[in-house]
PDB file of N, CA and C in Angstrom:
ATOM      1  N   MET A   1     -32.647 205.268  38.760  1.00  0.00           N
ATOM      2  CA  MET A   1     -32.279 204.582  39.975  1.00  0.00           C
ATOM      3  C   MET A   1     -30.794 204.250  39.993  1.00  0.00           C
ATOM      4  N   GLY A   2     -30.200 204.096  38.819  1.00  0.00           N
ATOM      5  CA  GLY A   2     -28.778 203.778  38.756  1.00  0.00           C
ATOM      6  C   GLY A   2     -27.896 204.892  39.268  1.00  0.00           C
ATOM      7  N   ASP A   3     -28.380 206.122  39.195  1.00  0.00           N
ATOM      8  CA  ASP A   3     -27.606 207.256  39.694  1.00  0.00           C
ATOM      9  C   ASP A   3     -27.653 207.377  41.213  1.00  0.00           C
ATOM     10  N   LYS A   4     -28.638 206.716  41.841  1.00  0.00           N
ATOM     11  CA  LYS A   4     -28.813 206.811  43.299  1.00  0.00           C
ATOM     12  C   LYS A   4     -29.037 205.414  43.893  1.00  0.00           C
ATOM     13  N   PRO A   5     -28.068 204.503  43.765  1.00  0.00           N
ATOM     14  CA  PRO A   5     -28.291 203.129  44.198  1.00  0.00           C
ATOM     15  C   PRO A   5     -28.478 202.951  45.699  1.00  0.00           C
ATOM     16  N   ASN A   6     -28.067 203.925  46.501  1.00  0.00           N
ATOM     17  CA  ASN A   6     -28.202 203.803  47.954  1.00  0.00           C
ATOM     18  C   ASN A   6     -29.502 204.388  48.479  1.00  0.00           C
ATOM     19  N   GLU A   7     -30.279 204.992  47.615  1.00  0.00           N
ATOM     20  CA  GLU A   7     -31.522 205.637  48.039  1.00  0.00           C
ATOM     21  C   GLU A   7     -32.693 204.654  47.969  1.00  0.00           C
ATOM     22  N   SER A   8     -33.767 205.022  48.650  1.00  0.00           N
ATOM     23  CA  SER A   8     -34.991 204.232  48.542  1.00  0.00           C
ATOM     24  C   SER A   8     -35.528 204.367  47.120  1.00  0.00           C
ATOM     25  N   ILE A   9     -36.419 203.494  46.732  1.00  0.00           N
ATOM     26  CA  ILE A   9     -36.978 203.543  45.376  1.00  0.00           C
ATOM     27  C   ILE A   9     -37.687 204.878  45.125  1.00  0.00           C
ATOM     28  N   PRO A  10     -38.547 205.376  46.040  1.00  0.00           N
ATOM     29  CA  PRO A  10     -39.199 206.666  45.762  1.00  0.00           C
ATOM     30  C   PRO A  10     -38.210 207.820  45.608  1.00  0.00           C
ATOM     31  N   VAL A  11     -37.180 207.861  46.436  1.00  0.00           N
ATOM     32  CA  VAL A  11     -36.197 208.942  46.334  1.00  0.00           C
ATOM     33  C   VAL A  11     -35.403 208.811  45.040  1.00  0.00           C
ATOM     34  N   ALA A  12     -34.973 207.605  44.706  1.00  0.00           N
ATOM     35  CA  ALA A  12     -34.168 207.388  43.506  1.00  0.00           C
ATOM     36  C   ALA A  12     -34.957 207.689  42.236  1.00  0.00           C
ATOM     37  N   CYS A  13     -36.258 207.386  42.245  1.00  0.00           N
ATOM     38  CA  CYS A  13     -37.070 207.598  41.046  1.00  0.00           C
ATOM     39  C   CYS A  13     -37.434 209.062  40.843  1.00  0.00           C
ATOM     40  N   GLY A  14     -37.605 209.805  41.915  1.00  0.00           N
ATOM     41  CA  GLY A  14     -37.834 211.236  41.802  1.00  0.00           C
ATOM     42  C   GLY A  14     -39.260 211.678  41.564  1.00  0.00           C
ATOM     43  N   GLY A  15     -40.179 210.777  41.343  1.00  0.00           N
ATOM     44  CA  GLY A  15     -41.571 211.165  41.116  1.00  0.00           C
ATOM     45  C   GLY A  15     -42.491 209.985  41.345  1.00  0.00           C
ATOM     46  N   TRP A  16     -43.785 210.293  41.563  1.00  0.00           N
ATOM     47  CA  TRP A  16     -44.749 209.250  41.875  1.00  0.00           C
ATOM     48  C   TRP A  16     -44.953 208.296  40.693  1.00  0.00           C
ATOM     49  N   ALA A  17     -45.064 208.814  39.481  1.00  0.00           N
ATOM     50  CA  ALA A  17     -45.278 207.960  38.309  1.00  0.00           C
ATOM     51  C   ALA A  17     -44.091 207.021  38.101  1.00  0.00           C
ATOM     52  N   GLU A  18     -42.886 207.548  38.270  1.00  0.00           N
ATOM     53  CA  GLU A  18     -41.681 206.728  38.108  1.00  0.00           C
ATOM     54  C   GLU A  18     -41.586 205.669  39.203  1.00  0.00           C
ATOM     55  N   THR A  19     -41.983 206.038  40.413  1.00  0.00           N
ATOM     56  CA  THR A  19     -41.968 205.087  41.530  1.00  0.00           C
ATOM     57  C   THR A  19     -42.945 203.942  41.273  1.00  0.00           C
ATOM     58  N   LEU A  20     -44.166 204.278  40.846  1.00  0.00           N
ATOM     59  CA  LEU A  20     -45.149 203.234  40.538  1.00  0.00           C
ATOM     60  C   LEU A  20     -44.655 202.332  39.413  1.00  0.00           C
ATOM     61  N   ALA A  21     -44.030 202.920  38.408  1.00  0.00           N
ATOM     62  CA  ALA A  21     -43.498 202.124  37.298  1.00  0.00           C
ATOM     63  C   ALA A  21     -42.413 201.166  37.793  1.00  0.00           C
ATOM     64  N   ALA A  22     -41.557 201.631  38.682  1.00  0.00           N
ATOM     65  CA  ALA A  22     -40.497 200.767  39.223  1.00  0.00           C
ATOM     66  C   ALA A  22     -41.103 199.610  40.005  1.00  0.00           C
ATOM     67  N   TYR A  23     -42.079 199.881  40.857  1.00  0.00           N
ATOM     68  CA  TYR A  23     -42.712 198.818  41.631  1.00  0.00           C
ATOM     69  C   TYR A  23     -43.448 197.828  40.726  1.00  0.00           C
ATOM     70  N   ARG A  24     -44.105 198.319  39.674  1.00  0.00           N
ATOM     71  CA  ARG A  24     -44.762 197.408  38.718  1.00  0.00           C
ATOM     72  C   ARG A  24     -43.724 196.522  38.028  1.00  0.00           C
ATOM     73  N   PHE A  25     -42.584 197.117  37.655  1.00  0.00           N
ATOM     74  CA  PHE A  25     -41.514 196.353  37.003  1.00  0.00           C
ATOM     75  C   PHE A  25     -40.993 195.252  37.926  1.00  0.00           C
ATOM     76  N   PHE A  26     -40.689 195.605  39.178  1.00  0.00           N
ATOM     77  CA  PHE A  26     -40.152 194.614  40.110  1.00  0.00           C
ATOM     78  C   PHE A  26     -41.166 193.534  40.449  1.00  0.00           C
ATOM     79  N   ASP A  27     -42.457 193.859  40.384  1.00  0.00           N
ATOM     80  CA  ASP A  27     -43.513 192.906  40.724  1.00  0.00           C
ATOM     81  C   ASP A  27     -43.967 192.066  39.531  1.00  0.00           C
ATOM     82  N   ASN A  28     -43.474 192.380  38.334  1.00  0.00           N
ATOM     83  CA  ASN A  28     -43.891 191.686  37.118  1.00  0.00           C
ATOM     84  C   ASN A  28     -43.332 190.261  37.096  1.00  0.00           C
ATOM     85  N   GLU A  29     -44.217 189.277  37.071  1.00  0.00           N
ATOM     86  CA  GLU A  29     -43.794 187.870  37.085  1.00  0.00           C
ATOM     87  C   GLU A  29     -43.059 187.472  35.808  1.00  0.00           C
ATOM     88  N   LYS A  30     -43.242 188.240  34.729  1.00  0.00           N
ATOM     89  CA  LYS A  30     -42.567 187.924  33.470  1.00  0.00           C
ATOM     90  C   LYS A  30     -41.103 188.362  33.468  1.00  0.00           C
ATOM     91  N   VAL A  31     -40.726 189.225  34.421  1.00  0.00           N
ATOM     92  CA  VAL A  31     -39.356 189.728  34.503  1.00  0.00           C
ATOM     93  C   VAL A  31     -38.606 188.923  35.556  1.00  0.00           C
ATOM     94  N   THR A  32     -37.567 188.213  35.136  1.00  0.00           N
ATOM     95  CA  THR A  32     -36.795 187.383  36.055  1.00  0.00           C
ATOM     96  C   THR A  32     -35.659 188.193  36.689  1.00  0.00           C
ATOM     97  N   SER A  33     -35.095 187.655  37.760  1.00  0.00           N
ATOM     98  CA  SER A  33     -33.966 188.339  38.392  1.00  0.00           C
ATOM     99  C   SER A  33     -32.776 188.390  37.433  1.00  0.00           C
ATOM    100  N   ASP A  34     -32.600 187.367  36.593  1.00  0.00           N
ATOM    101  CA  ASP A  34     -31.519 187.391  35.599  1.00  0.00           C
ATOM    102  C   ASP A  34     -31.712 188.535  34.604  1.00  0.00           C
ATOM    103  N   GLN A  35     -32.952 188.779  34.197  1.00  0.00           N
ATOM    104  CA  GLN A  35     -33.229 189.889  33.281  1.00  0.00           C
ATOM    105  C   GLN A  35     -32.973 191.232  33.957  1.00  0.00           C
ATOM    106  N   ARG A  36     -33.341 191.344  35.235  1.00  0.00           N
ATOM    107  CA  ARG A  36     -33.106 192.596  35.956  1.00  0.00           C
ATOM    108  C   ARG A  36     -31.624 192.900  36.067  1.00  0.00           C
ATOM    109  N   LEU A  37     -30.798 191.867  36.202  1.00  0.00           N
ATOM    110  CA  LEU A  37     -29.359 192.056  36.383  1.00  0.00           C
ATOM    111  C   LEU A  37     -28.570 192.084  35.075  1.00  0.00           C
ATOM    112  N   SER A  38     -29.209 191.841  33.945  1.00  0.00           N
ATOM    113  CA  SER A  38     -28.480 191.676  32.685  1.00  0.00           C
ATOM    114  C   SER A  38     -27.647 192.900  32.298  1.00  0.00           C
ATOM    115  N   SER A  39     -28.196 194.100  32.395  1.00  0.00           N
ATOM    116  CA  SER A  39     -27.407 195.281  32.019  1.00  0.00           C
ATOM    117  C   SER A  39     -26.278 195.520  33.015  1.00  0.00           C
ATOM    118  N   HIS A  40     -26.525 195.225  34.286  1.00  0.00           N
ATOM    119  CA  HIS A  40     -25.465 195.359  35.289  1.00  0.00           C
ATOM    120  C   HIS A  40     -24.352 194.349  35.011  1.00  0.00           C
ATOM    121  N   LEU A  41     -24.723 193.135  34.621  1.00  0.00           N
ATOM    122  CA  LEU A  41     -23.736 192.104  34.290  1.00  0.00           C
ATOM    123  C   LEU A  41     -22.874 192.529  33.101  1.00  0.00           C
ATOM    124  N   GLU A  42     -23.505 193.089  32.076  1.00  0.00           N
ATOM    125  CA  GLU A  42     -22.754 193.563  30.903  1.00  0.00           C
ATOM    126  C   GLU A  42     -21.737 194.631  31.293  1.00  0.00           C
ATOM    127  N   ALA A  43     -22.141 195.569  32.131  1.00  0.00           N
ATOM    128  CA  ALA A  43     -21.226 196.627  32.581  1.00  0.00           C
ATOM    129  C   ALA A  43     -20.107 196.047  33.439  1.00  0.00           C
ATOM    130  N   SER A  44     -20.437 195.065  34.274  1.00  0.00           N
ATOM    131  CA  SER A  44     -19.414 194.422  35.121  1.00  0.00           C
ATOM    132  C   SER A  44     -18.376 193.710  34.265  1.00  0.00           C
ATOM    133  N   ILE A  45     -18.828 193.022  33.229  1.00  0.00           N
ATOM    134  CA  ILE A  45     -17.908 192.293  32.340  1.00  0.00           C
ATOM    135  C   ILE A  45     -16.957 193.265  31.639  1.00  0.00           C
ATOM    136  N   LYS A  46     -17.457 194.420  31.242  1.00  0.00           N
ATOM    137  CA  LYS A  46     -16.585 195.428  30.625  1.00  0.00           C
ATOM    138  C   LYS A  46     -15.515 195.901  31.605  1.00  0.00           C
ATOM    139  N   ARG A  47     -15.899 196.107  32.866  1.00  0.00           N
ATOM    140  CA  ARG A  47     -14.923 196.522  33.873  1.00  0.00           C
ATOM    141  C   ARG A  47     -13.926 195.407  34.164  1.00  0.00           C
ATOM    142  N   ILE A  48     -14.399 194.168  34.204  1.00  0.00           N
ATOM    143  CA  ILE A  48     -13.530 193.014  34.468  1.00  0.00           C
ATOM    144  C   ILE A  48     -12.463 192.882  33.383  1.00  0.00           C
ATOM    145  N   ALA A  49     -12.841 193.152  32.140  1.00  0.00           N
ATOM    146  CA  ALA A  49     -11.911 193.004  31.014  1.00  0.00           C
ATOM    147  C   ALA A  49     -10.698 193.922  31.122  1.00  0.00           C
ATOM    148  N   CYS A  50     -10.774 194.946  31.940  1.00  0.00           N
ATOM    149  CA  CYS A  50      -9.670 195.897  32.093  1.00  0.00           C
ATOM    150  C   CYS A  50      -8.624 195.438  33.117  1.00  0.00           C
ATOM    151  N   HIS A  51      -8.824 194.296  33.739  1.00  0.00           N
ATOM    152  CA  HIS A  51      -7.931 193.833  34.799  1.00  0.00           C
ATOM    153  C   HIS A  51      -7.367 192.455  34.475  1.00  0.00           C
ATOM    154  N   GLN A  52      -6.114 192.239  34.849  1.00  0.00           N
ATOM    155  CA  GLN A  52      -5.481 190.940  34.614  1.00  0.00           C
ATOM    156  C   GLN A  52      -5.982 189.873  35.580  1.00  0.00           C
ATOM    157  N   VAL A  53      -6.194 190.250  36.836  1.00  0.00           N
ATOM    158  CA  VAL A  53      -6.644 189.300  37.849  1.00  0.00           C
ATOM    159  C   VAL A  53      -7.921 189.838  38.486  1.00  0.00           C
ATOM    160  N   VAL A  54      -8.940 188.983  38.515  1.00  0.00           N
ATOM    161  CA  VAL A  54     -10.212 189.356  39.133  1.00  0.00           C
ATOM    162  C   VAL A  54     -10.670 188.182  39.994  1.00  0.00           C
ATOM    163  N   LEU A  55     -11.094 188.478  41.189  1.00  0.00           N
ATOM    164  CA  LEU A  55     -11.613 187.463  42.102  1.00  0.00           C
ATOM    165  C   LEU A  55     -13.134 187.475  42.057  1.00  0.00           C
ATOM    166  N   LEU A  56     -13.737 186.292  42.177  1.00  0.00           N
ATOM    167  CA  LEU A  56     -15.197 186.173  42.135  1.00  0.00           C
ATOM    168  C   LEU A  56     -15.700 185.482  43.406  1.00  0.00           C
ATOM    169  N   PRO A  57     -15.686 186.187  44.536  1.00  0.00           N
ATOM    170  CA  PRO A  57     -16.170 185.572  45.773  1.00  0.00           C
ATOM    171  C   PRO A  57     -17.691 185.441  45.773  1.00  0.00           C
ATOM    172  N   GLN A  58     -18.153 184.415  46.489  1.00  0.00           N
ATOM    173  CA  GLN A  58     -19.583 184.165  46.639  1.00  0.00           C
ATOM    174  C   GLN A  58     -19.924 184.211  48.126  1.00  0.00           C
ATOM    175  N   ASP A  59     -21.179 184.443  48.410  1.00  0.00           N
ATOM    176  CA  ASP A  59     -21.621 184.493  49.792  1.00  0.00           C
ATOM    177  C   ASP A  59     -23.086 184.086  49.831  1.00  0.00           C
ATOM    178  N   THR A  60     -23.587 183.887  51.022  1.00  0.00           N
ATOM    179  CA  THR A  60     -25.007 183.648  51.218  1.00  0.00           C
ATOM    180  C   THR A  60     -25.503 184.661  52.230  1.00  0.00           C
ATOM    181  N   ILE A  61     -26.571 185.334  51.872  1.00  0.00           N
ATOM    182  CA  ILE A  61     -27.160 186.346  52.734  1.00  0.00           C
ATOM    183  C   ILE A  61     -28.569 185.900  53.074  1.00  0.00           C
ATOM    184  N   ASP A  62     -28.888 185.925  54.346  1.00  0.00           N
ATOM    185  CA  ASP A  62     -30.213 185.548  54.824  1.00  0.00           C
ATOM    186  C   ASP A  62     -31.007 186.831  55.041  1.00  0.00           C
ATOM    187  N   LEU A  63     -31.974 187.093  54.172  1.00  0.00           N
ATOM    188  CA  LEU A  63     -32.810 188.295  54.276  1.00  0.00           C
ATOM    189  C   LEU A  63     -34.109 187.924  54.975  1.00  0.00           C
ATOM    190  N   VAL A  64     -34.391 188.567  56.098  1.00  0.00           N
ATOM    191  CA  VAL A  64     -35.593 188.277  56.865  1.00  0.00           C
ATOM    192  C   VAL A  64     -36.451 189.533  56.910  1.00  0.00           C
ATOM    193  N   TYR A  65     -37.670 189.410  56.418  1.00  0.00           N
ATOM    194  CA  TYR A  65     -38.612 190.520  56.424  1.00  0.00           C
ATOM    195  C   TYR A  65     -39.740 190.183  57.394  1.00  0.00           C
ATOM    196  N   THR A  66     -39.999 191.073  58.341  1.00  0.00           N
ATOM    197  CA  THR A  66     -41.103 190.870  59.267  1.00  0.00           C
ATOM    198  C   THR A  66     -42.104 191.997  59.118  1.00  0.00           C
ATOM    199  N   ILE A  67     -43.365 191.640  59.237  1.00  0.00           N
ATOM    200  CA  ILE A  67     -44.447 192.604  59.129  1.00  0.00           C
ATOM    201  C   ILE A  67     -45.326 192.439  60.361  1.00  0.00           C
ATOM    202  N   ASN A  68     -45.561 193.523  61.072  1.00  0.00           N
ATOM    203  CA  ASN A  68     -46.479 193.472  62.211  1.00  0.00           C
ATOM    204  C   ASN A  68     -47.895 193.330  61.684  1.00  0.00           C
ATOM    205  N   LYS A  69     -48.613 192.305  62.152  1.00  0.00           N
ATOM    206  CA  LYS A  69     -49.979 192.090  61.689  1.00  0.00           C
ATOM    207  C   LYS A  69     -50.935 193.155  62.218  1.00  0.00           C
ATOM    208  N   ASP A  70     -50.679 193.630  63.416  1.00  0.00           N
ATOM    209  CA  ASP A  70     -51.533 194.663  64.009  1.00  0.00           C
ATOM    210  C   ASP A  70     -50.633 195.778  64.514  1.00  0.00           C
ATOM    211  N   SER A  71     -50.503 196.829  63.735  1.00  0.00           N
ATOM    212  CA  SER A  71     -49.557 197.885  64.081  1.00  0.00           C
ATOM    213  C   SER A  71     -50.072 198.823  65.173  1.00  0.00           C
ATOM    214  N   LYS A  72     -51.330 198.723  65.572  1.00  0.00           N
ATOM    215  CA  LYS A  72     -51.867 199.639  66.583  1.00  0.00           C
ATOM    216  C   LYS A  72     -51.152 199.462  67.920  1.00  0.00           C
ATOM    217  N   GLY A  73     -51.138 198.239  68.443  1.00  0.00           N
ATOM    218  CA  GLY A  73     -50.495 198.001  69.730  1.00  0.00           C
ATOM    219  C   GLY A  73     -49.101 197.440  69.574  1.00  0.00           C
ATOM    220  N   LEU A  74     -48.697 197.198  68.357  1.00  0.00           N
ATOM    221  CA  LEU A  74     -47.420 196.606  67.972  1.00  0.00           C
ATOM    222  C   LEU A  74     -47.249 195.184  68.487  1.00  0.00           C
ATOM    223  N   GLY A  75     -47.811 194.815  69.602  1.00  0.00           N
ATOM    224  CA  GLY A  75     -47.842 193.429  70.044  1.00  0.00           C
ATOM    225  C   GLY A  75     -46.485 192.811  70.267  1.00  0.00           C
ATOM    226  N   THR A  76     -46.464 191.481  70.197  1.00  0.00           N
ATOM    227  CA  THR A  76     -45.229 190.730  70.423  1.00  0.00           C
ATOM    228  C   THR A  76     -44.739 190.162  69.103  1.00  0.00           C
ATOM    229  N   LEU A  77     -43.580 189.528  69.139  1.00  0.00           N
ATOM    230  CA  LEU A  77     -43.042 188.909  67.929  1.00  0.00           C
ATOM    231  C   LEU A  77     -43.930 187.778  67.426  1.00  0.00           C
ATOM    232  N   LYS A  78     -44.778 187.224  68.294  1.00  0.00           N
ATOM    233  CA  LYS A  78     -45.690 186.159  67.885  1.00  0.00           C
ATOM    234  C   LYS A  78     -46.742 186.674  66.906  1.00  0.00           C
ATOM    235  N   GLU A  79     -46.954 187.983  66.896  1.00  0.00           N
ATOM    236  CA  GLU A  79     -47.981 188.581  66.064  1.00  0.00           C
ATOM    237  C   GLU A  79     -47.401 189.186  64.785  1.00  0.00           C
ATOM    238  N   THR A  80     -46.298 188.638  64.320  1.00  0.00           N
ATOM    239  CA  THR A  80     -45.685 189.136  63.088  1.00  0.00           C
ATOM    240  C   THR A  80     -45.705 188.062  62.021  1.00  0.00           C
ATOM    241  N   GLU A  81     -45.648 188.514  60.802  1.00  0.00           N
ATOM    242  CA  GLU A  81     -45.539 187.614  59.659  1.00  0.00           C
ATOM    243  C   GLU A  81     -44.101 187.701  59.167  1.00  0.00           C
ATOM    244  N   LYS A  82     -43.450 186.567  59.003  1.00  0.00           N
ATOM    245  CA  LYS A  82     -42.030 186.554  58.671  1.00  0.00           C
ATOM    246  C   LYS A  82     -41.815 185.880  57.317  1.00  0.00           C
ATOM    247  N   THR A  83     -41.021 186.541  56.475  1.00  0.00           N
ATOM    248  CA  THR A  83     -40.613 185.971  55.196  1.00  0.00           C
ATOM    249  C   THR A  83     -39.094 185.914  55.180  1.00  0.00           C
ATOM    250  N   GLU A  84     -38.547 184.772  54.824  1.00  0.00           N
ATOM    251  CA  GLU A  84     -37.101 184.603  54.816  1.00  0.00           C
ATOM    252  C   GLU A  84     -36.651 184.206  53.410  1.00  0.00           C
ATOM    253  N   ILE A  85     -35.643 184.910  52.909  1.00  0.00           N
ATOM    254  CA  ILE A  85     -35.125 184.669  51.565  1.00  0.00           C
ATOM    255  C   ILE A  85     -33.612 184.494  51.658  1.00  0.00           C
ATOM    256  N   PHE A  86     -33.086 183.523  50.927  1.00  0.00           N
ATOM    257  CA  PHE A  86     -31.643 183.339  50.858  1.00  0.00           C
ATOM    258  C   PHE A  86     -31.140 183.875  49.524  1.00  0.00           C
ATOM    259  N   LEU A  87     -30.197 184.794  49.566  1.00  0.00           N
ATOM    260  CA  LEU A  87     -29.598 185.385  48.379  1.00  0.00           C
ATOM    261  C   LEU A  87     -28.157 184.912  48.282  1.00  0.00           C
ATOM    262  N   HIS A  88     -27.779 184.399  47.113  1.00  0.00           N
ATOM    263  CA  HIS A  88     -26.422 183.893  46.874  1.00  0.00           C
ATOM    264  C   HIS A  88     -25.768 184.733  45.770  1.00  0.00           C
ATOM    265  N   PRO A  89     -25.130 185.860  46.127  1.00  0.00           N
ATOM    266  CA  PRO A  89     -24.508 186.710  45.114  1.00  0.00           C
ATOM    267  C   PRO A  89     -23.074 186.285  44.790  1.00  0.00           C
ATOM    268  N   THR A  90     -22.654 186.578  43.573  1.00  0.00           N
ATOM    269  CA  THR A  90     -21.252 186.469  43.170  1.00  0.00           C
ATOM    270  C   THR A  90     -20.838 187.839  42.677  1.00  0.00           C
ATOM    271  N   ILE A  91     -19.764 188.369  43.261  1.00  0.00           N
ATOM    272  CA  ILE A  91     -19.293 189.692  42.877  1.00  0.00           C
ATOM    273  C   ILE A  91     -17.903 189.589  42.274  1.00  0.00           C
ATOM    274  N   ALA A  92     -17.499 190.618  41.575  1.00  0.00           N
ATOM    275  CA  ALA A  92     -16.155 190.685  40.993  1.00  0.00           C
ATOM    276  C   ALA A  92     -15.384 191.791  41.702  1.00  0.00           C
ATOM    277  N   ILE A  93     -14.185 191.438  42.193  1.00  0.00           N
ATOM    278  CA  ILE A  93     -13.315 192.415  42.831  1.00  0.00           C
ATOM    279  C   ILE A  93     -11.879 192.170  42.380  1.00  0.00           C
ATOM    280  N   THR A  94     -11.069 193.205  42.469  1.00  0.00           N
ATOM    281  CA  THR A  94      -9.650 193.053  42.168  1.00  0.00           C
ATOM    282  C   THR A  94      -8.935 192.582  43.440  1.00  0.00           C
ATOM    283  N   PRO A  95      -7.698 192.110  43.324  1.00  0.00           N
ATOM    284  CA  PRO A  95      -6.962 191.699  44.521  1.00  0.00           C
ATOM    285  C   PRO A  95      -6.779 192.826  45.549  1.00  0.00           C
ATOM    286  N   VAL A  96      -6.864 194.085  45.113  1.00  0.00           N
ATOM    287  CA  VAL A  96      -6.755 195.204  46.061  1.00  0.00           C
ATOM    288  C   VAL A  96      -8.145 195.718  46.479  1.00  0.00           C
ATOM    289  N   ARG A  97      -9.150 194.882  46.286  1.00  0.00           N
ATOM    290  CA  ARG A  97     -10.521 195.104  46.774  1.00  0.00           C
ATOM    291  C   ARG A  97     -11.290 196.213  46.072  1.00  0.00           C
ATOM    292  N   VAL A  98     -11.021 196.424  44.798  1.00  0.00           N
ATOM    293  CA  VAL A  98     -11.832 197.359  44.015  1.00  0.00           C
ATOM    294  C   VAL A  98     -13.037 196.583  43.486  1.00  0.00           C
ATOM    295  N   TYR A  99     -14.220 197.034  43.843  1.00  0.00           N
ATOM    296  CA  TYR A  99     -15.455 196.376  43.437  1.00  0.00           C
ATOM    297  C   TYR A  99     -15.735 196.664  41.963  1.00  0.00           C
ATOM    298  N   LEU A 100     -15.934 195.603  41.173  1.00  0.00           N
ATOM    299  CA  LEU A 100     -16.182 195.756  39.743  1.00  0.00           C
ATOM    300  C   LEU A 100     -17.630 195.484  39.369  1.00  0.00           C
ATOM    301  N   GLY A 101     -18.396 194.911  40.289  1.00  0.00           N
ATOM    302  CA  GLY A 101     -19.802 194.677  40.007  1.00  0.00           C
ATOM    303  C   GLY A 101     -20.240 193.273  40.351  1.00  0.00           C
ATOM    304  N   ALA A 102     -21.544 193.063  40.277  1.00  0.00           N
ATOM    305  CA  ALA A 102     -22.120 191.743  40.490  1.00  0.00           C
ATOM    306  C   ALA A 102     -22.105 190.971  39.183  1.00  0.00           C
ATOM    307  N   VAL A 103     -21.790 189.695  39.272  1.00  0.00           N
ATOM    308  CA  VAL A 103     -21.793 188.865  38.065  1.00  0.00           C
ATOM    309  C   VAL A 103     -22.815 187.725  38.180  1.00  0.00           C
ATOM    310  N   GLY A 104     -23.486 187.642  39.294  1.00  0.00           N
ATOM    311  CA  GLY A 104     -24.510 186.623  39.441  1.00  0.00           C
ATOM    312  C   GLY A 104     -25.222 186.750  40.770  1.00  0.00           C
ATOM    313  N   ALA A 105     -26.452 186.260  40.806  1.00  0.00           N
ATOM    314  CA  ALA A 105     -27.231 186.241  42.042  1.00  0.00           C
ATOM    315  C   ALA A 105     -28.342 185.213  41.900  1.00  0.00           C
ATOM    316  N   LYS A 106     -28.410 184.326  42.850  1.00  0.00           N
ATOM    317  CA  LYS A 106     -29.487 183.328  42.876  1.00  0.00           C
ATOM    318  C   LYS A 106     -30.286 183.537  44.152  1.00  0.00           C
ATOM    319  N   ILE A 107     -31.597 183.456  44.020  1.00  0.00           N
ATOM    320  CA  ILE A 107     -32.491 183.622  45.174  1.00  0.00           C
ATOM    321  C   ILE A 107     -33.116 182.273  45.479  1.00  0.00           C
TER     322      ILE A 107
END
């Protein structure tokens, strides 16, 4: 999946067994978001070490997922189930806007 970060999980994984394994991993309650990001954080820190000045901007992203309860007639917005998540990422960039990676994320 690291080679195809912009692709969907099935496309990035390349096969049904790999896709199921990825979904099981992401759904595993024993695996925290910090654990999922740990290898990415290590790589980001290595890239950061190569620069004299690095900026660490933070943001808040409101992720809203809606699911139609009855997809046959599609219905109105009243017939949807809505889940809202707030993501607070911290990224590392250089003053000339070169992205070095994520260094933190809280949900």
